[in-house]
C-alpha atoms as a PDB file:
ATOM      1  CA  UNK A   1     164.156 114.540  96.787  1.00  0.00           C
ATOM      2  CA  UNK A   2     163.100 111.277  98.613  1.00  0.00           C
ATOM      3  CA  UNK A   3     165.974 108.981  99.364  1.00  0.00           C
ATOM      4  CA  UNK A   4     166.164 105.877  97.202  1.00  0.00           C
ATOM      5  CA  UNK A   5     164.849 102.854  98.892  1.00  0.00           C
ATOM      6  CA  UNK A   6     167.369  99.849  98.945  1.00  0.00           C
ATOM      7  CA  UNK A   7     166.063  96.324  98.405  1.00  0.00           C
ATOM      8  CA  UNK A   8     166.607  93.981 101.454  1.00  0.00           C
ATOM      9  CA  UNK A   9     169.670  92.153 101.675  1.00  0.00           C
ATOM     10  CA  UNK A  10     169.501  88.587 100.355  1.00  0.00           C
ATOM     11  CA  UNK A  11     172.050  85.733 101.003  1.00  0.00           C
ATOM     12  CA  UNK A  12     174.350  85.073  98.234  1.00  0.00           C
ATOM     13  CA  UNK A  13     173.663  82.341  96.085  1.00  0.00           C
ATOM     14  CA  UNK A  14     176.479  80.275  97.271  1.00  0.00           C
ATOM     15  CA  UNK A  15     175.326  80.692 101.039  1.00  0.00           C
ATOM     16  CA  UNK A  16     171.838  79.129 100.482  1.00  0.00           C
ATOM     17  CA  UNK A  17     171.656  75.855 102.190  1.00  0.00           C
ATOM     18  CA  UNK A  18     170.822  73.073  99.461  1.00  0.00           C
ATOM     19  CA  UNK A  19     172.943  70.047 100.805  1.00  0.00           C
ATOM     20  CA  UNK A  20     171.940  67.795 103.672  1.00  0.00           C
ATOM     21  CA  UNK A  21     174.289  65.367 105.502  1.00  0.00           C
ATOM     22  CA  UNK A  22     172.943  62.825 107.786  1.00  0.00           C
ATOM     23  CA  UNK A  23     174.527  60.211 109.986  1.00  0.00           C
ATOM     24  CA  UNK A  24     173.534  56.567 110.900  1.00  0.00           C
ATOM     25  CA  UNK A  25     174.851  54.195 113.470  1.00  0.00           C
ATOM     26  CA  UNK A  26     174.700  50.465 112.365  1.00  0.00           C
ATOM     27  CA  UNK A  27     172.966  48.236 114.842  1.00  0.00           C
ATOM     28  CA  UNK A  28     172.929  45.013 113.009  1.00  0.00           C
ATOM     29  CA  UNK A  29     174.811  43.192 110.081  1.00  0.00           C
ATOM     30  CA  UNK A  30     174.270  44.754 106.765  1.00  0.00           C
ATOM     31  CA  UNK A  31     173.697  42.939 103.505  1.00  0.00           C
ATOM     32  CA  UNK A  32     172.610  44.223 100.052  1.00  0.00           C
ATOM     33  CA  UNK A  33     172.797  42.090  97.023  1.00  0.00           C
ATOM     34  CA  UNK A  34     174.808  43.526  94.140  1.00  0.00           C
ATOM     35  CA  UNK A  35     172.775  44.149  90.914  1.00  0.00           C
ATOM     36  CA  UNK A  36     174.861  41.434  89.033  1.00  0.00           C
ATOM     37  CA  UNK A  37     174.100  38.778  91.819  1.00  0.00           C
ATOM     38  CA  UNK A  38     172.188  35.584  91.121  1.00  0.00           C
ATOM     39  CA  UNK A  39     169.470  33.913  93.267  1.00  0.00           C
ATOM     40  CA  UNK A  40     172.043  31.387  94.468  1.00  0.00           C
ATOM     41  CA  UNK A  41     175.316  33.406  94.688  1.00  0.00           C
ATOM     42  CA  UNK A  42     175.011  36.920  96.035  1.00  0.00           C
ATOM     43  CA  UNK A  43     177.995  39.079  96.666  1.00  0.00           C
ATOM     44  CA  UNK A  44     177.041  42.102  98.874  1.00  0.00           C
ATOM     45  CA  UNK A  45     177.561  45.701  98.402  1.00  0.00           C
ATOM     46  CA  UNK A  46     179.761  47.237 100.957  1.00  0.00           C
ATOM     47  CA  UNK A  47     177.458  50.203 101.640  1.00  0.00           C
ATOM     48  CA  UNK A  48     173.820  51.184 100.553  1.00  0.00           C
ATOM     49  CA  UNK A  49     173.688  52.522  97.051  1.00  0.00           C
ATOM     50  CA  UNK A  50     171.784  55.586  95.973  1.00  0.00           C
ATOM     51  CA  UNK A  51     169.033  53.562  94.475  1.00  0.00           C
ATOM     52  CA  UNK A  52     168.541  51.792  97.770  1.00  0.00           C
ATOM     53  CA  UNK A  53     168.485  55.099  99.694  1.00  0.00           C
ATOM     54  CA  UNK A  54     165.985  56.652  97.468  1.00  0.00           C
ATOM     55  CA  UNK A  55     163.708  53.703  97.528  1.00  0.00           C
ATOM     56  CA  UNK A  56     163.919  53.906 101.445  1.00  0.00           C
ATOM     57  CA  UNK A  57     162.812  57.500 101.285  1.00  0.00           C
ATOM     58  CA  UNK A  58     160.047  56.713  98.948  1.00  0.00           C
ATOM     59  CA  UNK A  59     158.905  53.808 101.340  1.00  0.00           C
ATOM     60  CA  UNK A  60     158.627  56.114 104.355  1.00  0.00           C
ATOM     61  CA  UNK A  61     156.972  58.879 102.226  1.00  0.00           C
ATOM     62  CA  UNK A  62     154.240  56.536 101.043  1.00  0.00           C
ATOM     63  CA  UNK A  63     153.686  55.046 104.595  1.00  0.00           C
ATOM     64  CA  UNK A  64     153.367  58.298 106.227  1.00  0.00           C
ATOM     65  CA  UNK A  65     151.664  60.778 103.760  1.00  0.00           C
ATOM     66  CA  UNK A  66     150.192  58.464 100.965  1.00  0.00           C
ATOM     67  CA  UNK A  67     146.906  57.995 102.712  1.00  0.00           C
ATOM     68  CA  UNK A  68     146.254  61.772 102.635  1.00  0.00           C
ATOM     69  CA  UNK A  69     146.518  62.013  98.977  1.00  0.00           C
ATOM     70  CA  UNK A  70     143.935  59.280  97.819  1.00  0.00           C
ATOM     71  CA  UNK A  71     142.197  61.774  95.678  1.00  0.00           C
ATOM     72  CA  UNK A  72     145.243  63.353  93.995  1.00  0.00           C
ATOM     73  CA  UNK A  73     147.619  60.652  94.236  1.00  0.00           C
ATOM     74  CA  UNK A  74     149.145  60.567  90.674  1.00  0.00           C
ATOM     75  CA  UNK A  75     149.882  64.327  90.757  1.00  0.00           C
ATOM     76  CA  UNK A  76     151.249  64.327  94.281  1.00  0.00           C
ATOM     77  CA  UNK A  77     153.427  61.245  93.842  1.00  0.00           C
ATOM     78  CA  UNK A  78     154.751  62.582  90.518  1.00  0.00           C
ATOM     79  CA  UNK A  79     156.057  65.767  92.100  1.00  0.00           C
ATOM     80  CA  UNK A  80     157.452  64.021  95.323  1.00  0.00           C
ATOM     81  CA  UNK A  81     159.124  61.273  93.168  1.00  0.00           C
ATOM     82  CA  UNK A  82     160.705  63.920  90.839  1.00  0.00           C
ATOM     83  CA  UNK A  83     162.693  65.736  93.536  1.00  0.00           C
ATOM     84  CA  UNK A  84     163.726  62.487  95.224  1.00  0.00           C
ATOM     85  CA  UNK A  85     164.780  60.840  91.869  1.00  0.00           C
ATOM     86  CA  UNK A  86     166.878  63.972  90.935  1.00  0.00           C
ATOM     87  CA  UNK A  87     169.005  63.933  94.377  1.00  0.00           C
ATOM     88  CA  UNK A  88     172.680  63.420  94.063  1.00  0.00           C
ATOM     89  CA  UNK A  89     173.897  61.141  96.800  1.00  0.00           C
ATOM     90  CA  UNK A  90     177.288  60.520  98.204  1.00  0.00           C
ATOM     91  CA  UNK A  91     178.076  57.853 100.801  1.00  0.00           C
ATOM     92  CA  UNK A  92     180.875  57.937 103.306  1.00  0.00           C
ATOM     93  CA  UNK A  93     181.434  54.452 104.772  1.00  0.00           C
ATOM     94  CA  UNK A  94     182.267  53.709 108.450  1.00  0.00           C
ATOM     95  CA  UNK A  95     185.832  53.434 109.695  1.00  0.00           C
ATOM     96  CA  UNK A  96     186.075  49.749 109.276  1.00  0.00           C
ATOM     97  CA  UNK A  97     184.058  47.043 107.519  1.00  0.00           C
ATOM     98  CA  UNK A  98     184.391  43.208 107.831  1.00  0.00           C
ATOM     99  CA  UNK A  99     182.780  41.199 105.117  1.00  0.00           C
ATOM    100  CA  UNK A 100     181.789  37.666 106.361  1.00  0.00           C
ATOM    101  CA  UNK A 101     181.195  35.122 103.731  1.00  0.00           C
ATOM    102  CA  UNK A 102     178.825  32.231 104.428  1.00  0.00           C
ATOM    103  CA  UNK A 103     177.224  29.240 102.735  1.00  0.00           C
ATOM    104  CA  UNK A 104     174.013  27.706 103.424  1.00  0.00           C
ATOM    105  CA  UNK A 105     172.336  24.506 102.516  1.00  0.00           C
ATOM    106  CA  UNK A 106     168.427  24.919 102.224  1.00  0.00           C
ATOM    107  CA  UNK A 107     165.333  23.841 100.381  1.00  0.00           C
ATOM    108  CA  UNK A 108     163.685  26.069  98.143  1.00  0.00           C
ATOM    109  CA  UNK A 109     160.866  26.152  95.401  1.00  0.00           C
ATOM    110  CA  UNK A 110     161.953  25.096  92.022  1.00  0.00           C
ATOM    111  CA  UNK A 111     162.844  28.250  90.094  1.00  0.00           C
ATOM    112  CA  UNK A 112     161.560  26.964  86.735  1.00  0.00           C
ATOM    113  CA  UNK A 113     158.119  25.518  88.083  1.00  0.00           C
ATOM    114  CA  UNK A 114     154.951  27.255  86.805  1.00  0.00           C
ATOM    115  CA  UNK A 115     153.657  28.457  90.391  1.00  0.00           C
ATOM    116  CA  UNK A 116     150.394  29.521  88.734  1.00  0.00           C
ATOM    117  CA  UNK A 117     149.350  26.014  87.654  1.00  0.00           C
ATOM    118  CA  UNK A 118     146.293  25.319  89.644  1.00  0.00           C
ATOM    119  CA  UNK A 119     146.339  21.688  88.695  1.00  0.00           C
ATOM    120  CA  UNK A 120     149.597  21.070  90.335  1.00  0.00           C
ATOM    121  CA  UNK A 121     149.148  19.520  93.753  1.00  0.00           C
ATOM    122  CA  UNK A 122     152.286  20.935  95.419  1.00  0.00           C
ATOM    123  CA  UNK A 123     155.083  23.262  94.281  1.00  0.00           C
ATOM    124  CA  UNK A 124     158.189  21.056  93.947  1.00  0.00           C
ATOM    125  CA  UNK A 125     160.960  21.648  96.482  1.00  0.00           C
ATOM    126  CA  UNK A 126     164.703  21.004  95.936  1.00  0.00           C
ATOM    127  CA  UNK A 127     167.854  21.126  97.761  1.00  0.00           C
ATOM    128  CA  UNK A 128     170.586  23.690  97.033  1.00  0.00           C
ATOM    129  CA  UNK A 129     173.638  25.438  98.264  1.00  0.00           C
ATOM    130  CA  UNK A 130     173.558  29.358  98.443  1.00  0.00           C
ATOM    131  CA  UNK A 131     176.315  31.900  98.924  1.00  0.00           C
ATOM    132  CA  UNK A 132     175.733  34.963 100.962  1.00  0.00           C
ATOM    133  CA  UNK A 133     177.736  37.908 102.482  1.00  0.00           C
ATOM    134  CA  UNK A 134     176.956  39.733 105.682  1.00  0.00           C
ATOM    135  CA  UNK A 135     178.979  42.886 106.637  1.00  0.00           C
ATOM    136  CA  UNK A 136     179.785  44.210 110.082  1.00  0.00           C
ATOM    137  CA  UNK A 137     180.027  47.875 109.961  1.00  0.00           C
ATOM    138  CA  UNK A 138     182.176  49.624 112.701  1.00  0.00           C
ATOM    139  CA  UNK A 139     181.489  53.393 113.146  1.00  0.00           C
ATOM    140  CA  UNK A 140     178.904  55.618 111.668  1.00  0.00           C
ATOM    141  CA  UNK A 141     177.537  55.776 108.094  1.00  0.00           C
ATOM    142  CA  UNK A 142     177.101  59.286 106.437  1.00  0.00           C
ATOM    143  CA  UNK A 143     174.880  60.199 103.529  1.00  0.00           C
ATOM    144  CA  UNK A 144     175.168  63.509 101.727  1.00  0.00           C
ATOM    145  CA  UNK A 145     172.231  64.478  99.486  1.00  0.00           C
ATOM    146  CA  UNK A 146     171.562  67.548  97.247  1.00  0.00           C
ATOM    147  CA  UNK A 147     170.887  69.818  95.705  1.00  0.00           C
ATOM    148  CA  UNK A 148     167.335  70.536  96.844  1.00  0.00           C
ATOM    149  CA  UNK A 149     165.284  73.300  98.686  1.00  0.00           C
ATOM    150  CA  UNK A 150     163.362  70.755 100.463  1.00  0.00           C
ATOM    151  CA  UNK A 151     165.891  69.992 103.166  1.00  0.00           C
ATOM    152  CA  UNK A 152     163.357  70.157 106.069  1.00  0.00           C
ATOM    153  CA  UNK A 153     161.199  67.418 104.459  1.00  0.00           C
ATOM    154  CA  UNK A 154     164.273  65.393 103.374  1.00  0.00           C
ATOM    155  CA  UNK A 155     165.517  65.486 106.983  1.00  0.00           C
ATOM    156  CA  UNK A 156     162.044  64.301 108.272  1.00  0.00           C
ATOM    157  CA  UNK A 157     162.057  61.402 105.746  1.00  0.00           C
ATOM    158  CA  UNK A 158     165.526  60.234 106.670  1.00  0.00           C
ATOM    159  CA  UNK A 159     164.687  60.383 110.337  1.00  0.00           C
ATOM    160  CA  UNK A 160     161.899  57.702 109.683  1.00  0.00           C
ATOM    161  CA  UNK A 161     164.320  55.297 107.810  1.00  0.00           C
ATOM    162  CA  UNK A 162     165.413  52.555 110.141  1.00  0.00           C
ATOM    163  CA  UNK A 163     167.160  49.960 107.736  1.00  0.00           C
ATOM    164  CA  UNK A 164     168.847  49.946 104.371  1.00  0.00           C
ATOM    165  CA  UNK A 165     169.237  46.636 102.232  1.00  0.00           C
ATOM    166  CA  UNK A 166     167.650  43.526 103.498  1.00  0.00           C
ATOM    167  CA  UNK A 167     164.864  43.637 105.880  1.00  0.00           C
ATOM    168  CA  UNK A 168     166.519  43.457 109.213  1.00  0.00           C
ATOM    169  CA  UNK A 169     169.729  45.413 108.492  1.00  0.00           C
ATOM    170  CA  UNK A 170     168.883  48.212 110.878  1.00  0.00           C
ATOM    171  CA  UNK A 171     170.398  51.439 111.279  1.00  0.00           C
ATOM    172  CA  UNK A 172     169.787  54.155 114.001  1.00  0.00           C
ATOM    173  CA  UNK A 173     169.444  57.793 112.759  1.00  0.00           C
ATOM    174  CA  UNK A 174     171.473  60.310 114.676  1.00  0.00           C
ATOM    175  CA  UNK A 175     169.825  63.708 114.788  1.00  0.00           C
ATOM    176  CA  UNK A 176     172.453  65.658 116.551  1.00  0.00           C
ATOM    177  CA  UNK A 177     174.797  64.894 113.599  1.00  0.00           C
ATOM    178  CA  UNK A 178     172.648  66.304 110.819  1.00  0.00           C
ATOM    179  CA  UNK A 179     174.205  69.155 108.756  1.00  0.00           C
ATOM    180  CA  UNK A 180     172.748  71.634 106.279  1.00  0.00           C
ATOM    181  CA  UNK A 181     175.332  73.314 104.077  1.00  0.00           C
ATOM    182  CA  UNK A 182     175.626  75.215 100.848  1.00  0.00           C
ATOM    183  CA  UNK A 183     178.104  72.617  99.458  1.00  0.00           C
ATOM    184  CA  UNK A 184     178.220  68.936  99.801  1.00  0.00           C
ATOM    185  CA  UNK A 185     180.230  68.098 103.047  1.00  0.00           C
ATOM    186  CA  UNK A 186     182.047  65.465 101.090  1.00  0.00           C
ATOM    187  CA  UNK A 187     181.964  63.809  97.627  1.00  0.00           C
ATOM    188  CA  UNK A 188     183.231  60.823  95.797  1.00  0.00           C
ATOM    189  CA  UNK A 189     186.901  61.252  94.925  1.00  0.00           C
ATOM    190  CA  UNK A 190     188.771  58.560  92.899  1.00  0.00           C
ATOM    191  CA  UNK A 191     192.204  60.081  93.777  1.00  0.00           C
ATOM    192  CA  UNK A 192     191.785  58.666  97.403  1.00  0.00           C
ATOM    193  CA  UNK A 193     189.562  55.683  97.060  1.00  0.00           C
ATOM    194  CA  UNK A 194     191.025  52.162  96.786  1.00  0.00           C
ATOM    195  CA  UNK A 195     187.660  50.253  96.337  1.00  0.00           C
ATOM    196  CA  UNK A 196     185.173  50.326  93.372  1.00  0.00           C
ATOM    197  CA  UNK A 197     181.687  49.221  94.121  1.00  0.00           C
ATOM    198  CA  UNK A 198     178.861  49.134  91.269  1.00  0.00           C
ATOM    199  CA  UNK A 199     176.284  51.839  92.285  1.00  0.00           C
ATOM    200  CA  UNK A 200     172.955  51.663  91.048  1.00  0.00           C
ATOM    201  CA  UNK A 201     170.559  54.728  90.903  1.00  0.00           C
ATOM    202  CA  UNK A 202     167.345  55.834  89.260  1.00  0.00           C
ATOM    203  CA  UNK A 203     167.581  57.052  85.641  1.00  0.00           C
ATOM    204  CA  UNK A 204     167.141  60.846  85.070  1.00  0.00           C
ATOM    205  CA  UNK A 205     163.869  60.192  83.176  1.00  0.00           C
ATOM    206  CA  UNK A 206     162.367  57.385  84.912  1.00  0.00           C
ATOM    207  CA  UNK A 207     158.781  57.563  86.481  1.00  0.00           C
ATOM    208  CA  UNK A 208     157.165  56.346  89.600  1.00  0.00           C
ATOM    209  CA  UNK A 209     155.216  53.799  87.499  1.00  0.00           C
ATOM    210  CA  UNK A 210     158.481  52.179  86.323  1.00  0.00           C
ATOM    211  CA  UNK A 211     159.693  51.417  89.802  1.00  0.00           C
ATOM    212  CA  UNK A 212     156.218  50.652  91.355  1.00  0.00           C
ATOM    213  CA  UNK A 213     155.755  46.853  91.681  1.00  0.00           C
ATOM    214  CA  UNK A 214     151.981  47.176  91.223  1.00  0.00           C
ATOM    215  CA  UNK A 215     152.302  48.930  87.842  1.00  0.00           C
ATOM    216  CA  UNK A 216     152.444  47.130  84.424  1.00  0.00           C
ATOM    217  CA  UNK A 217     155.345  49.080  83.414  1.00  0.00           C
ATOM    218  CA  UNK A 218     158.742  47.323  84.008  1.00  0.00           C
ATOM    219  CA  UNK A 219     161.884  49.180  84.944  1.00  0.00           C
ATOM    220  CA  UNK A 220     164.802  48.677  82.327  1.00  0.00           C
ATOM    221  CA  UNK A 221     168.410  48.456  83.187  1.00  0.00           C
ATOM    222  CA  UNK A 222     170.469  51.341  81.948  1.00  0.00           C
ATOM    223  CA  UNK A 223     167.410  53.637  81.447  1.00  0.00           C
ATOM    224  CA  UNK A 224     165.176  53.450  84.649  1.00  0.00           C
ATOM    225  CA  UNK A 225     167.796  51.869  86.740  1.00  0.00           C
ATOM    226  CA  UNK A 226     171.433  52.753  85.843  1.00  0.00           C
ATOM    227  CA  UNK A 227     174.418  51.101  87.243  1.00  0.00           C
ATOM    228  CA  UNK A 228     177.853  53.128  87.395  1.00  0.00           C
ATOM    229  CA  UNK A 229     181.096  52.539  89.200  1.00  0.00           C
ATOM    230  CA  UNK A 230     181.188  54.147  92.661  1.00  0.00           C
ATOM    231  CA  UNK A 231     184.555  54.922  94.337  1.00  0.00           C
ATOM    232  CA  UNK A 232     184.849  54.316  98.101  1.00  0.00           C
ATOM    233  CA  UNK A 233     187.735  55.430 100.339  1.00  0.00           C
ATOM    234  CA  UNK A 234     188.218  51.859 101.660  1.00  0.00           C
ATOM    235  CA  UNK A 235     191.444  50.005 101.623  1.00  0.00           C
ATOM    236  CA  UNK A 236     191.747  46.184 101.958  1.00  0.00           C
ATOM    237  CA  UNK A 237     193.891  45.293 104.890  1.00  0.00           C
ATOM    238  CA  UNK A 238     193.336  41.557 105.344  1.00  0.00           C
ATOM    239  CA  UNK A 239     191.482  38.763 103.531  1.00  0.00           C
ATOM    240  CA  UNK A 240     190.811  35.101 103.793  1.00  0.00           C
ATOM    241  CA  UNK A 241     188.530  32.351 102.622  1.00  0.00           C
ATOM    242  CA  UNK A 242     185.753  33.544 104.905  1.00  0.00           C
ATOM    243  CA  UNK A 243     186.343  37.175 105.289  1.00  0.00           C
ATOM    244  CA  UNK A 244     187.589  40.679 104.162  1.00  0.00           C
ATOM    245  CA  UNK A 245     188.694  43.405 106.326  1.00  0.00           C
ATOM    246  CA  UNK A 246     188.520  47.048 104.976  1.00  0.00           C
ATOM    247  CA  UNK A 247     189.501  50.226 106.639  1.00  0.00           C
ATOM    248  CA  UNK A 248     188.516  53.742 105.649  1.00  0.00           C
ATOM    249  CA  UNK A 249     191.345  55.782 104.164  1.00  0.00           C
END
């Protein structure tokens, strides 16, 4: 009788790499307005939020590959947006953060003026005092993403991202520190976290058109853009009128 053929060995489900951890070195001050900030007074998030990270990935995706999908853009962006939207993202802050509080006096356009009024000779300007925060990050920032089977594409996208938050808040991607693992290399743990930061993220059912600024559809808070508390392993060590000093726990 012929011998029974055995099926080739396949890796156990738990050994399949579905999580990616990337590392960035901050090379400039960081600032990212909190979702509850106003135009005149803006507290900053301490680290990039999942929403900010996913928007950065979409930006480099569209800049790099969008021109090759002019004929099938709708179907292509739907598939690409879906797997990026569904990523779970955890952030590990650097070893030390210093929040610098600054006030500026500047001139800006009248916020209530009708800028579309063609009969107006000039758009009125007014003086104002604005409050901003800038953060010095000492150490490396780590981002853990999953679960996805597109780790290679995700790695290539992260390698092209060079800033998070405001334009000019530059980060240097460190390719040698990239890890692919079956489980997340770290997660958010409220038990060893001393700082809570509002974390905004894409809603589970939102579509590309809802976050596309050129679309007529508008994103809705708590539906297309959700805000939940995020727990950071940071401890406030010193504070003053112009600064806060955090150390990673």
